[in-house]
Amino acid sequence: MQGGRPVVSETLWMMRHLYHQMKGQAHTKRQRLLNWLRFWSTYQQYGRLSHSHSGSLLGNLWPCTDDHTTETPVSPNYLYQEVWAFQRIMQQKPSLHIDVGSHHRFVALLSTLVPITMIDIRPLPVELDGLRFQTGSILEMPFEDGSVASLSSLCVVEHIGLGRYGDPLDANGTEKAIEELKRVLAPGGNLYISLVLDDENRTFFNACRALSEPYFFQLITPLEVRDRAYVKDNTFGRNCANGFCVGCYHLQKP
C-alpha cells in the first residue's frame, strides 16, 4: 500500500494494459514505452493531489497515452483534399450533391450547406437533416446515365477491388469505378475526385493502388480537367514531381 492505494495491483494492471497496447502498433515501441512512463508518472502525481478520490482512480482509468504531442496530429491527405473539394463545390452552389464513399466527416460538414446523398457499401449510422444515405456500390450506382450534376469521390477509387472495405476482389476495380463515375455524370456536370499517384502503376495489396497521372488521364477521357492540386508529404501544391502523392482533380463532362 502507498498512500492508501494498492501499488501491486496498479502495477500489474499497467503492465497488462501496456502489453496489449504495444502489440501491432505503428508507433515505435520505444516511443510507446516513453508515453506509458509519462502516464504512470502523471498518474502518481495526480493521486497525491487528489487524496479524496485516490481509491477510485484505478477502477476508472482511461489511459490516452498517444495524445501528449508537440504538435496537433494531422492526416494531411484528408485535411487538404477535403478543404479543397469543399471550397470548389461551394463555388458551384449545386442544389444537390452526390458523394460516393468519401470520409464521413467531409460529407457531414458539407451537408450543412448543400443537400447530399451519400452512396457507400457500408451503412452510415448517423442522422443529419441535410444528409441522405443510400447503400450502393461505386461499381453499380443507382443513377441513370448522365443524371448527376455534382459528384465527389475522395480517395475511394484506388481501394476498389482490394477487399479492404469488404468489397469483392477485382483486379480492375479502379478502372471500373472511374468508368461508373463517368457514366452517371451529367453533361456539364462536375466531378471532384482524388486518388493516390505514383511514377508508375502499383498495387499495394490490400491498402490501395497508385496510378501514374498519364494513365489516370487516359481513364478519365473525355472529361476535362478544370483544376488540380496535390498533397505530398505535409504540403499542398500544384505539382507532384518524383513519386508518391495524392492528386485532387475537378473534372467536368463536356
Protein backbone atom coordinates (compact mmCIF):
# COMPACT_ATOMS: atom_id res chain seq x y z
CA MET A 1 0.00 0.00 0.00
CA GLN A 2 1.20 3.54 -0.76
CA GLY A 3 -0.94 6.49 0.29
CA GLY A 4 -3.90 4.10 0.62
CA ARG A 5 -3.50 2.70 -2.93
CA PRO A 6 -2.76 -0.93 -3.86
CA VAL A 7 0.55 -0.38 -5.71
CA VAL A 8 0.97 -4.04 -6.75
CA SER A 9 -2.49 -4.15 -8.34
CA GLU A 10 -1.86 -0.87 -10.14
CA THR A 11 1.47 -2.10 -11.47
CA LEU A 12 0.01 -5.38 -12.73
CA TRP A 13 -2.85 -3.50 -14.37
CA MET A 14 -0.41 -1.13 -16.08
CA MET A 15 1.83 -3.93 -17.31
CA ARG A 16 -1.09 -5.89 -18.73
CA HIS A 17 -2.56 -2.82 -20.46
CA LEU A 18 0.85 -1.79 -21.82
CA TYR A 19 1.43 -5.28 -23.20
CA HIS A 20 -1.80 -5.19 -25.21
CA GLN A 21 -1.27 -1.60 -26.35
CA MET A 22 2.22 -2.27 -27.68
CA LYS A 23 1.21 -5.18 -29.87
CA GLY A 24 0.69 -4.34 -33.52
CA GLN A 25 1.07 -0.58 -33.20
CA ALA A 26 2.59 1.63 -35.88
CA HIS A 27 4.40 3.73 -33.29
CA THR A 28 7.85 2.56 -32.25
CA LYS A 29 7.93 0.51 -29.08
CA ARG A 30 10.42 2.93 -27.58
CA GLN A 31 8.11 5.92 -28.03
CA ARG A 32 5.11 3.99 -26.74
CA LEU A 33 7.09 2.93 -23.66
CA LEU A 34 8.07 6.56 -23.02
CA ASN A 35 4.43 7.57 -23.36
CA TRP A 36 3.46 5.00 -20.74
CA LEU A 37 6.21 6.07 -18.36
CA ARG A 38 4.88 9.62 -18.65
CA PHE A 39 1.34 8.38 -17.96
CA TRP A 40 2.50 6.40 -14.91
CA SER A 41 4.34 9.42 -13.54
CA THR A 42 1.40 11.81 -14.01
CA TYR A 43 -0.99 9.21 -12.55
CA GLN A 44 1.06 9.05 -9.37
CA GLN A 45 1.28 12.85 -9.19
CA TYR A 46 -2.46 13.19 -9.63
CA GLY A 47 -3.06 10.59 -6.93
CA ARG A 48 -1.08 12.69 -4.47
CA LEU A 49 -3.05 15.81 -5.47
CA SER A 50 -6.42 14.11 -5.22
CA HIS A 51 -6.39 12.15 -1.95
CA SER A 52 -10.16 12.12 -1.61
CA HIS A 53 -10.52 10.31 -4.96
CA SER A 54 -7.46 8.06 -4.74
CA GLY A 55 -9.47 4.94 -4.02
CA SER A 56 -11.50 5.21 -7.22
CA LEU A 57 -8.71 6.11 -9.67
CA LEU A 58 -7.65 2.56 -10.54
CA GLY A 59 -11.15 1.42 -11.35
CA ASN A 60 -11.76 4.39 -13.63
CA LEU A 61 -8.51 4.64 -15.55
CA TRP A 62 -8.81 5.63 -19.21
CA PRO A 63 -5.21 5.98 -20.48
CA CYS A 64 -4.76 8.25 -23.52
CA THR A 65 -1.06 7.74 -23.97
CA ASP A 66 -0.59 8.97 -27.55
CA ASP A 67 -2.06 12.47 -27.23
CA HIS A 68 0.90 14.15 -25.48
CA THR A 69 2.48 15.51 -28.68
CA THR A 70 4.50 18.59 -29.58
CA GLU A 71 2.01 19.50 -32.33
CA THR A 72 -1.55 18.60 -33.29
CA PRO A 73 -1.63 15.28 -35.19
CA VAL A 74 -2.98 15.76 -38.72
CA SER A 75 -3.63 13.46 -41.66
CA PRO A 76 -2.60 15.84 -44.47
CA ASN A 77 -4.15 13.75 -47.25
CA TYR A 78 -7.66 14.01 -45.83
CA LEU A 79 -7.38 17.53 -44.46
CA TYR A 80 -6.12 19.20 -47.63
CA GLN A 81 -8.28 17.31 -50.10
CA GLU A 82 -11.45 17.86 -48.07
CA VAL A 83 -10.86 21.61 -47.77
CA TRP A 84 -10.04 21.77 -51.50
CA ALA A 85 -13.19 19.87 -52.54
CA PHE A 86 -15.41 21.73 -50.05
CA GLN A 87 -14.36 25.10 -51.47
CA ARG A 88 -14.89 24.09 -55.09
CA ILE A 89 -18.27 22.50 -54.50
CA MET A 90 -19.46 25.61 -52.69
CA GLN A 91 -18.24 27.79 -55.57
CA GLN A 92 -20.59 25.86 -57.88
CA LYS A 93 -23.53 26.03 -55.41
CA PRO A 94 -25.28 22.82 -56.55
CA SER A 95 -28.89 22.24 -55.49
CA LEU A 96 -28.00 18.59 -54.74
CA HIS A 97 -24.66 16.86 -54.40
CA ILE A 98 -23.89 13.14 -54.64
CA ASP A 99 -20.90 11.68 -52.81
CA VAL A 100 -19.55 8.17 -53.24
CA GLY A 101 -17.54 6.72 -50.39
CA SER A 102 -15.68 9.81 -49.15
CA HIS A 103 -14.83 10.31 -45.49
CA HIS A 104 -17.97 10.79 -43.38
CA ARG A 105 -16.57 13.97 -41.80
CA PHE A 106 -16.33 15.69 -45.19
CA VAL A 107 -19.82 14.55 -46.15
CA ALA A 108 -21.36 15.56 -42.82
CA LEU A 109 -19.90 19.07 -42.84
CA LEU A 110 -20.80 19.67 -46.47
CA SER A 111 -24.37 18.52 -45.82
CA THR A 112 -24.91 21.52 -43.51
CA LEU A 113 -24.73 23.76 -46.60
CA VAL A 114 -25.74 21.52 -49.53
CA PRO A 115 -28.25 18.62 -49.54
CA ILE A 116 -26.24 15.43 -50.03
CA THR A 117 -26.97 11.84 -50.95
CA MET A 118 -24.09 9.59 -49.93
CA ILE A 119 -23.52 6.21 -51.56
CA ASP A 120 -21.39 3.55 -49.85
CA ILE A 121 -21.34 -0.21 -49.40
CA ARG A 122 -21.14 0.30 -45.63
CA PRO A 123 -24.16 1.94 -43.96
CA LEU A 124 -23.57 5.27 -42.24
CA PRO A 125 -25.27 5.08 -38.81
CA VAL A 126 -25.96 8.80 -38.35
CA GLU A 127 -28.92 11.09 -38.98
CA LEU A 128 -28.44 14.66 -40.21
CA ASP A 129 -31.04 16.93 -41.75
CA GLY A 130 -29.12 17.59 -44.96
CA LEU A 131 -27.74 14.09 -45.44
CA ARG A 132 -29.45 11.09 -47.05
CA PHE A 133 -27.60 7.77 -47.12
CA GLN A 134 -28.19 5.07 -49.71
CA THR A 135 -26.42 1.72 -49.71
CA GLY A 136 -24.75 1.10 -53.05
CA SER A 137 -21.54 0.30 -54.87
CA ILE A 138 -19.34 2.62 -56.87
CA LEU A 139 -19.29 -0.16 -59.46
CA GLU A 140 -23.06 -0.07 -59.93
CA MET A 141 -24.61 3.18 -58.76
CA PRO A 142 -28.38 3.68 -58.55
CA PHE A 143 -28.46 6.54 -61.08
CA GLU A 144 -29.38 6.87 -64.74
CA ASP A 145 -26.75 7.62 -67.35
CA GLY A 146 -25.76 11.29 -67.32
CA SER A 147 -28.07 12.21 -64.44
CA VAL A 148 -25.74 13.56 -61.72
CA ALA A 149 -24.71 17.22 -61.96
CA SER A 150 -22.44 17.39 -58.88
CA LEU A 151 -20.44 14.37 -57.77
CA SER A 152 -17.48 13.62 -55.48
CA SER A 153 -15.42 10.61 -54.53
CA LEU A 154 -12.32 11.37 -52.48
CA CYS A 155 -9.63 8.71 -52.05
CA VAL A 156 -12.01 5.91 -52.99
CA VAL A 157 -11.28 4.54 -56.48
CA GLU A 158 -7.77 3.38 -55.55
CA HIS A 159 -9.24 0.97 -52.96
CA ILE A 160 -11.86 -0.72 -55.13
CA GLY A 161 -11.35 -4.45 -55.65
CA LEU A 162 -8.73 -4.98 -52.94
CA GLY A 163 -11.15 -6.28 -50.30
CA ARG A 164 -10.08 -3.76 -47.70
CA TYR A 165 -13.59 -2.49 -47.01
CA GLY A 166 -15.47 -5.71 -47.62
CA ASP A 167 -15.84 -5.21 -51.37
CA PRO A 168 -15.36 -8.12 -53.81
CA LEU A 169 -11.87 -8.68 -55.15
CA ASP A 170 -11.42 -7.27 -58.65
CA ALA A 171 -8.09 -6.64 -60.35
CA ASN A 172 -9.71 -3.92 -62.49
CA GLY A 173 -11.75 -2.34 -59.70
CA THR A 174 -10.19 1.11 -60.00
CA GLU A 175 -10.78 1.33 -63.74
CA LYS A 176 -14.38 0.12 -63.38
CA ALA A 177 -15.07 2.64 -60.60
CA ILE A 178 -13.85 5.53 -62.75
CA GLU A 179 -15.99 4.33 -65.67
CA GLU A 180 -19.06 4.26 -63.43
CA LEU A 181 -18.40 7.80 -62.18
CA LYS A 182 -18.14 8.94 -65.79
CA ARG A 183 -21.35 7.11 -66.70
CA VAL A 184 -23.58 8.84 -64.16
CA LEU A 185 -22.04 12.32 -64.54
CA ALA A 186 -24.29 14.69 -66.47
CA PRO A 187 -23.08 16.74 -69.46
CA GLY A 188 -21.62 19.90 -67.96
CA GLY A 189 -21.54 18.14 -64.59
CA ASN A 190 -18.70 18.45 -62.09
CA LEU A 191 -16.73 15.56 -60.58
CA TYR A 192 -14.37 16.09 -57.63
CA ILE A 193 -12.07 13.11 -57.29
CA SER A 194 -8.82 12.31 -55.54
CA LEU A 195 -6.57 9.27 -55.66
CA VAL A 196 -3.05 8.05 -54.95
CA LEU A 197 -0.49 8.75 -57.68
CA ASP A 198 3.00 7.41 -58.33
CA ASP A 199 5.57 7.38 -61.12
CA GLU A 200 4.08 4.13 -62.39
CA ASN A 201 1.04 1.98 -61.68
CA ARG A 202 1.47 -0.03 -58.48
CA THR A 203 -0.74 -2.18 -56.27
CA PHE A 204 -0.13 -2.13 -52.53
CA PHE A 205 -2.34 -5.05 -51.52
CA ASN A 206 -4.70 -4.61 -49.76
CA ALA A 207 -4.24 -0.95 -48.88
CA CYS A 208 -4.54 0.84 -52.22
CA ARG A 209 -3.42 1.19 -55.80
CA ALA A 210 -1.32 4.07 -57.10
CA LEU A 211 -1.75 5.22 -60.71
CA SER A 212 0.59 7.20 -62.89
CA GLU A 213 -1.00 10.51 -63.81
CA PRO A 214 -0.79 9.86 -67.59
CA TYR A 215 -2.68 6.59 -67.08
CA PHE A 216 -5.28 8.35 -64.93
CA PHE A 217 -5.79 10.95 -67.67
CA GLN A 218 -6.42 8.12 -70.15
CA LEU A 219 -9.06 6.66 -67.85
CA ILE A 220 -10.98 9.92 -67.38
CA THR A 221 -11.25 10.73 -71.11
CA PRO A 222 -13.34 12.63 -72.30
CA LEU A 223 -13.68 14.52 -69.00
CA GLU A 224 -11.85 17.85 -68.89
CA VAL A 225 -9.56 18.91 -66.04
CA ARG A 226 -10.79 22.22 -64.60
CA ASP A 227 -8.46 22.26 -61.60
CA ARG A 228 -5.88 20.04 -59.94
CA ALA A 229 -3.70 20.09 -56.85
CA TYR A 230 -1.52 17.62 -54.99
CA VAL A 231 -0.89 16.52 -51.42
CA LYS A 232 2.70 15.42 -50.98
CA ASP A 233 4.00 14.63 -47.51
CA ASN A 234 2.74 17.58 -45.42
CA THR A 235 2.36 20.06 -48.27
CA PHE A 236 -0.42 21.03 -50.67
CA GLY A 237 0.57 22.48 -54.02
CA ARG A 238 0.41 22.48 -57.79
CA ASN A 239 2.91 19.76 -58.60
CA CYS A 240 3.78 16.22 -57.60
CA ALA A 241 7.21 15.69 -59.03
CA ASN A 242 9.10 12.50 -58.31
CA GLY A 243 6.68 9.98 -56.99
CA PHE A 244 4.05 9.16 -54.42
CA CYS A 245 1.35 11.73 -53.64
CA VAL A 246 -2.41 12.29 -53.69
CA GLY A 247 -3.88 14.05 -56.71
CA CYS A 248 -7.06 16.14 -56.38
CA TYR A 249 -9.00 16.87 -59.57
CA HIS A 250 -12.01 18.93 -60.52
CA LEU A 251 -13.28 17.31 -63.71
CA GLN A 252 -16.12 18.35 -65.98
CA LYS A 253 -18.04 16.39 -68.60
CA PRO A 254 -18.27 18.11 -72.00
